[in-house]
């Protein structure tokens, strides 16, 4: 894979922002997970949760090529019952992304039942844990499986940097799942969750690609003819639009995203063109009306670009 760059961080930021708008908890992770697998060169990824009854504790799983089957299910069950890193995180309170070889040692990890199962079932040699929560909550983490060369220092640095973004998405997923469980108990459903236990390489939108349905801003953002107003905005444009709604200036948005003011201005002009507006106030008000961004507590459009 290509070396990790600032584009990987920017892309994950965009996808995490979009995920926080996704109303279906079963679809919330798909594009984020696809990007995480690509950035870390992983083939399989498991989301392991301990404790909360709403999640049942059992890991969800994704693969880079969409593969699923009995072998993946066997690994899922094993990681649920005997994750080799769970004891480390439970006893130390550490929430740093760590590899199994780093925690257990190369020899002990290579001889472990988990390593043997990963090799035989998935053809994977290495395991990276990326915790999603602080020490006050039950252990919840992504477990990324990789074959060939070990995870690098760059992979670990990337994991540490995106950890807060993934933790925010995880909290949103928990909230949506709890709301869904409450709605089901009252005779309704929330989000219409679909299976979502796998994702393809093509499911994550690029900076200039149109976001898939899982990146929509909400059912209220549809026009009378069924088209989705703002649906052709790219992930980066949606991110900039959200920051406009927070009353950030172009310079403030540039600092937040780590890009130039000129690039921000280009994104803003593209948003204006696609929404058919001419200024910040009209754009923010229209976006709030159509559900593309939430209403601002202190009023929309108070900043300038």
Protein backbone atom coordinates (compact mmCIF):
# COMPACT_ATOMS: atom_id res chain seq x y z
CA UNK A 1 0.00 0.00 0.00
CA UNK A 2 1.04 3.62 -0.42
CA UNK A 3 2.56 5.41 2.57
CA UNK A 4 0.09 7.01 4.97
CA UNK A 5 -0.35 10.72 4.31
CA UNK A 6 -2.44 13.66 5.46
CA UNK A 7 -5.04 12.62 2.89
CA UNK A 8 -5.77 9.49 4.92
CA UNK A 9 -6.54 11.60 7.99
CA UNK A 10 -8.64 14.08 6.02
CA UNK A 11 -10.60 11.29 4.39
CA UNK A 12 -11.35 9.62 7.72
CA UNK A 13 -12.45 12.98 9.16
CA UNK A 14 -14.89 13.46 6.29
CA UNK A 15 -16.29 9.94 6.61
CA UNK A 16 -16.64 10.19 10.39
CA UNK A 17 -18.57 13.46 10.04
CA UNK A 18 -20.90 11.80 7.54
CA UNK A 19 -21.30 8.73 9.77
CA UNK A 20 -22.50 10.92 12.61
CA UNK A 21 -25.44 11.92 10.38
CA UNK A 22 -26.39 8.32 9.52
CA UNK A 23 -29.70 7.31 11.16
CA UNK A 24 -29.27 3.54 10.71
CA UNK A 25 -26.79 2.05 13.22
CA UNK A 26 -26.19 -0.97 10.98
CA UNK A 27 -25.01 1.26 8.13
CA UNK A 28 -23.13 3.78 10.21
CA UNK A 29 -19.77 1.99 10.20
CA UNK A 30 -19.50 0.71 6.62
CA UNK A 31 -17.64 3.54 4.86
CA UNK A 32 -15.51 4.26 7.95
CA UNK A 33 -14.46 0.62 8.21
CA UNK A 34 -13.62 0.40 4.51
CA UNK A 35 -11.29 3.38 4.83
CA UNK A 36 -9.72 1.96 8.01
CA UNK A 37 -8.98 -1.35 6.30
CA UNK A 38 -7.40 0.41 3.33
CA UNK A 39 -5.26 2.72 5.46
CA UNK A 40 -3.96 -0.10 7.67
CA UNK A 41 -3.61 -2.67 4.89
CA UNK A 42 -5.96 -4.99 6.76
CA UNK A 43 -7.98 -7.85 5.31
CA UNK A 44 -10.47 -8.42 8.14
CA UNK A 45 -11.83 -6.24 10.90
CA UNK A 46 -13.94 -7.10 13.94
CA UNK A 47 -15.83 -4.70 16.21
CA UNK A 48 -15.75 -6.26 19.67
CA UNK A 49 -17.96 -4.99 22.46
CA UNK A 50 -18.13 -6.32 26.00
CA UNK A 51 -20.93 -5.87 28.42
CA UNK A 52 -23.84 -3.85 27.03
CA UNK A 53 -26.92 -5.99 26.56
CA UNK A 54 -28.03 -4.02 23.50
CA UNK A 55 -24.99 -5.23 21.55
CA UNK A 56 -24.90 -8.72 23.00
CA UNK A 57 -21.13 -8.47 23.15
CA UNK A 58 -20.72 -10.52 19.96
CA UNK A 59 -18.35 -8.86 17.45
CA UNK A 60 -19.48 -7.61 14.08
CA UNK A 61 -17.14 -8.24 11.18
CA UNK A 62 -16.13 -6.75 7.84
CA UNK A 63 -13.65 -7.83 5.19
CA UNK A 64 -11.78 -5.91 2.54
CA UNK A 65 -13.19 -8.07 -0.25
CA UNK A 66 -16.65 -8.71 1.20
CA UNK A 67 -15.82 -12.33 2.05
CA UNK A 68 -17.86 -14.03 4.77
CA UNK A 69 -18.48 -17.59 5.82
CA UNK A 70 -17.95 -20.25 8.45
CA UNK A 71 -14.27 -19.38 8.91
CA UNK A 72 -15.03 -15.75 9.65
CA UNK A 73 -17.81 -16.78 12.02
CA UNK A 74 -15.43 -19.08 13.87
CA UNK A 75 -12.98 -16.22 14.38
CA UNK A 76 -15.78 -13.91 15.49
CA UNK A 77 -16.88 -16.35 18.19
CA UNK A 78 -13.32 -16.95 19.33
CA UNK A 79 -12.56 -13.24 19.65
CA UNK A 80 -15.77 -12.80 21.61
CA UNK A 81 -14.78 -15.51 24.09
CA UNK A 82 -11.00 -15.22 24.20
CA UNK A 83 -9.65 -11.96 22.80
CA UNK A 84 -5.93 -12.08 23.70
CA UNK A 85 -5.78 -8.32 24.30
CA UNK A 86 -8.89 -7.99 26.47
CA UNK A 87 -7.05 -8.87 29.69
CA UNK A 88 -4.36 -6.27 28.99
CA UNK A 89 -6.87 -3.47 28.48
CA UNK A 90 -9.05 -4.60 31.40
CA UNK A 91 -6.22 -4.78 33.93
CA UNK A 92 -4.13 -1.79 32.88
CA UNK A 93 -6.80 0.73 31.86
CA UNK A 94 -4.65 1.40 28.80
CA UNK A 95 -6.56 2.54 25.72
CA UNK A 96 -3.62 2.92 23.34
CA UNK A 97 -3.82 1.07 20.00
CA UNK A 98 -1.54 -1.96 20.42
CA UNK A 99 -0.61 -5.04 18.43
CA UNK A 100 -0.96 -8.52 19.90
CA UNK A 101 2.76 -9.16 19.33
CA UNK A 102 3.63 -6.00 21.23
CA UNK A 103 1.47 -6.90 24.23
CA UNK A 104 2.17 -10.63 24.37
CA UNK A 105 5.60 -10.79 22.77
CA UNK A 106 6.34 -12.27 19.36
CA UNK A 107 6.87 -15.83 20.58
CA UNK A 108 3.82 -16.02 22.86
CA UNK A 109 1.60 -14.40 20.22
CA UNK A 110 2.82 -16.70 17.45
CA UNK A 111 2.12 -19.78 19.57
CA UNK A 112 -1.30 -18.63 20.79
CA UNK A 113 -4.58 -20.23 19.83
CA UNK A 114 -5.80 -16.91 18.41
CA UNK A 115 -2.79 -16.53 16.10
CA UNK A 116 -3.20 -20.13 14.93
CA UNK A 117 -6.88 -19.58 14.18
CA UNK A 118 -6.19 -16.36 12.27
CA UNK A 119 -3.57 -18.13 10.16
CA UNK A 120 -5.70 -21.16 9.33
CA UNK A 121 -9.10 -19.47 8.98
CA UNK A 122 -8.20 -16.08 7.50
CA UNK A 123 -4.60 -16.35 6.34
CA UNK A 124 -3.76 -13.45 8.65
CA UNK A 125 -0.61 -13.13 10.76
CA UNK A 126 -1.03 -9.94 12.77
CA UNK A 127 -3.67 -8.42 15.04
CA UNK A 128 -4.06 -4.74 15.94
CA UNK A 129 -6.49 -3.57 18.63
CA UNK A 130 -7.85 -0.04 18.35
CA UNK A 131 -9.94 0.77 21.47
CA UNK A 132 -12.90 3.07 20.96
CA UNK A 133 -13.63 4.22 24.50
CA UNK A 134 -12.03 5.54 27.62
CA UNK A 135 -11.19 3.38 30.62
CA UNK A 136 -14.51 4.19 32.33
CA UNK A 137 -16.54 2.17 29.80
CA UNK A 138 -16.48 -1.53 28.91
CA UNK A 139 -13.73 -2.63 26.55
CA UNK A 140 -14.83 -1.93 22.99
CA UNK A 141 -12.38 -2.02 20.11
CA UNK A 142 -11.70 -2.66 16.49
CA UNK A 143 -9.55 -5.73 15.94
CA UNK A 144 -7.78 -5.48 12.58
CA UNK A 145 -6.23 -8.58 10.99
CA UNK A 146 -3.38 -8.30 8.51
CA UNK A 147 -1.23 -10.78 6.61
CA UNK A 148 2.39 -10.49 5.53
CA UNK A 149 4.46 -7.74 7.11
CA UNK A 150 3.56 -6.51 10.62
CA UNK A 151 1.71 -3.29 11.35
CA UNK A 152 4.13 -0.37 11.21
CA UNK A 153 4.76 2.58 13.49
CA UNK A 154 2.90 4.70 10.93
CA UNK A 155 -0.16 2.45 11.24
CA UNK A 156 -0.10 2.82 15.02
CA UNK A 157 0.29 6.59 14.78
CA UNK A 158 -2.65 6.73 12.36
CA UNK A 159 -4.75 4.59 14.72
CA UNK A 160 -3.97 6.91 17.64
CA UNK A 161 -4.82 10.00 15.64
CA UNK A 162 -8.22 8.77 14.39
CA UNK A 163 -9.14 7.13 17.71
CA UNK A 164 -11.25 10.09 18.94
CA UNK A 165 -13.19 10.14 15.65
CA UNK A 166 -13.97 6.44 15.89
CA UNK A 167 -14.94 6.79 19.55
CA UNK A 168 -17.45 9.50 18.59
CA UNK A 169 -18.96 7.27 15.89
CA UNK A 170 -19.14 4.40 18.39
CA UNK A 171 -21.04 6.55 20.89
CA UNK A 172 -23.45 7.54 18.12
CA UNK A 173 -23.94 3.89 17.20
CA UNK A 174 -24.70 3.04 20.83
CA UNK A 175 -27.23 5.86 21.05
CA UNK A 176 -28.98 4.81 17.84
CA UNK A 177 -29.09 1.17 18.90
CA UNK A 178 -30.55 2.07 22.28
CA UNK A 179 -33.15 4.29 20.60
CA UNK A 180 -33.95 1.47 18.20
CA UNK A 181 -34.39 -0.98 21.05
CA UNK A 182 -36.71 1.47 22.82
CA UNK A 183 -38.72 2.02 19.65
CA UNK A 184 -39.05 -1.72 19.04
CA UNK A 185 -40.30 -2.24 22.59
CA UNK A 186 -42.97 0.38 21.94
CA UNK A 187 -44.10 -1.25 18.70
CA UNK A 188 -41.92 0.80 16.31
CA UNK A 189 -38.50 0.50 14.74
CA UNK A 190 -35.64 2.89 14.22
CA UNK A 191 -33.38 2.90 11.20
CA UNK A 192 -34.63 -0.35 9.65
CA UNK A 193 -31.24 -1.96 10.28
CA UNK A 194 -29.93 -4.32 7.64
CA UNK A 195 -27.29 -6.96 8.11
CA UNK A 196 -24.21 -4.86 7.29
CA UNK A 197 -21.74 -7.53 8.40
CA UNK A 198 -19.60 -6.96 5.38
CA UNK A 199 -18.54 -4.11 3.17
CA UNK A 200 -16.84 -3.88 -0.20
CA UNK A 201 -13.77 -1.98 -1.33
CA UNK A 202 -15.97 0.38 -3.30
CA UNK A 203 -18.39 1.41 -0.56
CA UNK A 204 -16.45 4.40 0.78
CA UNK A 205 -16.84 7.62 -1.23
CA UNK A 206 -13.80 9.56 -2.34
CA UNK A 207 -13.34 13.30 -2.01
CA UNK A 208 -14.86 13.86 -5.44
CA UNK A 209 -17.27 10.93 -5.43
CA UNK A 210 -20.93 11.10 -4.51
CA UNK A 211 -21.64 9.65 -1.05
CA UNK A 212 -23.60 6.40 -0.90
CA UNK A 213 -26.99 6.19 0.80
CA UNK A 214 -25.35 5.43 4.14
CA UNK A 215 -23.90 8.95 4.10
CA UNK A 216 -27.22 10.72 3.78
CA UNK A 217 -28.00 13.56 6.14
CA UNK A 218 -31.47 12.38 7.10
CA UNK A 219 -34.84 11.47 5.65
CA UNK A 220 -35.94 15.10 5.94
CA UNK A 221 -33.43 16.06 3.26
CA UNK A 222 -35.57 14.88 0.38
CA UNK A 223 -37.54 16.98 -2.05
CA UNK A 224 -41.04 16.29 -3.30
CA UNK A 225 -39.87 14.52 -6.47
CA UNK A 226 -37.76 12.03 -4.49
CA UNK A 227 -34.41 13.66 -5.28
CA UNK A 228 -32.17 14.46 -2.35
CA UNK A 229 -31.28 18.20 -2.19
CA UNK A 230 -27.56 18.48 -1.65
CA UNK A 231 -27.11 14.81 -2.50
CA UNK A 232 -24.40 15.61 -5.02
CA UNK A 233 -22.21 17.34 -2.42
CA UNK A 234 -18.93 15.52 -1.84
CA UNK A 235 -17.92 14.39 1.67
CA UNK A 236 -15.50 17.31 1.96
CA UNK A 237 -18.18 19.80 0.84
CA UNK A 238 -20.59 18.40 3.41
CA UNK A 239 -17.91 18.80 6.07
CA UNK A 240 -17.29 22.41 5.03
CA UNK A 241 -21.04 23.05 4.99
CA UNK A 242 -21.32 21.76 8.55
CA UNK A 243 -18.52 24.06 9.67
CA UNK A 244 -20.22 26.98 7.93
CA UNK A 245 -23.24 26.17 10.07
CA UNK A 246 -20.98 26.40 13.13
CA UNK A 247 -20.16 29.99 12.07
CA UNK A 248 -16.48 29.31 11.35
CA UNK A 249 -14.71 31.65 8.96
CA UNK A 250 -12.91 30.30 5.93
CA UNK A 251 -9.64 30.68 7.83
CA UNK A 252 -11.09 28.80 10.79
CA UNK A 253 -12.32 25.99 8.55
CA UNK A 254 -8.90 25.81 6.90
CA UNK A 255 -7.22 25.46 10.30
CA UNK A 256 -9.74 22.84 11.44
CA UNK A 257 -9.28 20.69 8.33
CA UNK A 258 -5.59 21.38 7.75
CA UNK A 259 -6.11 22.75 4.24
CA UNK A 260 -5.55 26.13 2.60
CA UNK A 261 -8.01 29.03 2.75
CA UNK A 262 -8.06 29.00 -1.05
CA UNK A 263 -9.19 25.36 -1.04
CA UNK A 264 -11.90 26.16 1.51
CA UNK A 265 -13.15 29.01 -0.68
CA UNK A 266 -13.35 26.65 -3.65
CA UNK A 267 -15.42 24.20 -1.60
CA UNK A 268 -17.71 27.00 -0.40
CA UNK A 269 -18.30 28.25 -3.95
CA UNK A 270 -19.06 24.69 -5.06
CA UNK A 271 -21.59 24.34 -2.23
CA UNK A 272 -23.23 27.63 -3.25
CA UNK A 273 -23.46 26.46 -6.84
CA UNK A 274 -24.92 23.05 -6.02
CA UNK A 275 -27.48 24.46 -3.57
CA UNK A 276 -28.33 27.43 -5.77
CA UNK A 277 -27.42 30.04 -3.16
CA UNK A 278 -25.19 33.12 -3.21
CA UNK A 279 -24.07 33.75 0.35
CA UNK A 280 -23.35 32.07 3.67
CA UNK A 281 -26.56 33.01 5.47
CA UNK A 282 -28.84 31.75 2.69
CA UNK A 283 -26.75 28.60 2.32
CA UNK A 284 -26.82 27.74 6.02
CA UNK A 285 -30.55 28.45 6.35
CA UNK A 286 -31.34 26.34 3.28
CA UNK A 287 -29.11 23.50 4.48
CA UNK A 288 -30.81 23.54 7.90
CA UNK A 289 -34.26 23.57 6.31
CA UNK A 290 -33.39 20.57 4.16
CA UNK A 291 -31.80 18.66 7.02
CA UNK A 292 -28.28 18.75 5.63
CA UNK A 293 -26.98 20.31 8.87
CA UNK A 294 -28.61 20.69 12.29
CA UNK A 295 -30.09 24.01 13.39
CA UNK A 296 -27.61 26.21 15.23
CA UNK A 297 -28.45 26.96 18.86
CA UNK A 298 -27.41 30.58 18.51
CA UNK A 299 -28.84 31.24 15.05
CA UNK A 300 -27.48 30.47 11.60
CA UNK A 301 -24.96 32.24 9.49
CA UNK A 302 -23.38 34.47 12.09
CA UNK A 303 -19.89 34.07 10.65
CA UNK A 304 -18.36 35.36 7.44
CA UNK A 305 -15.99 33.91 4.89
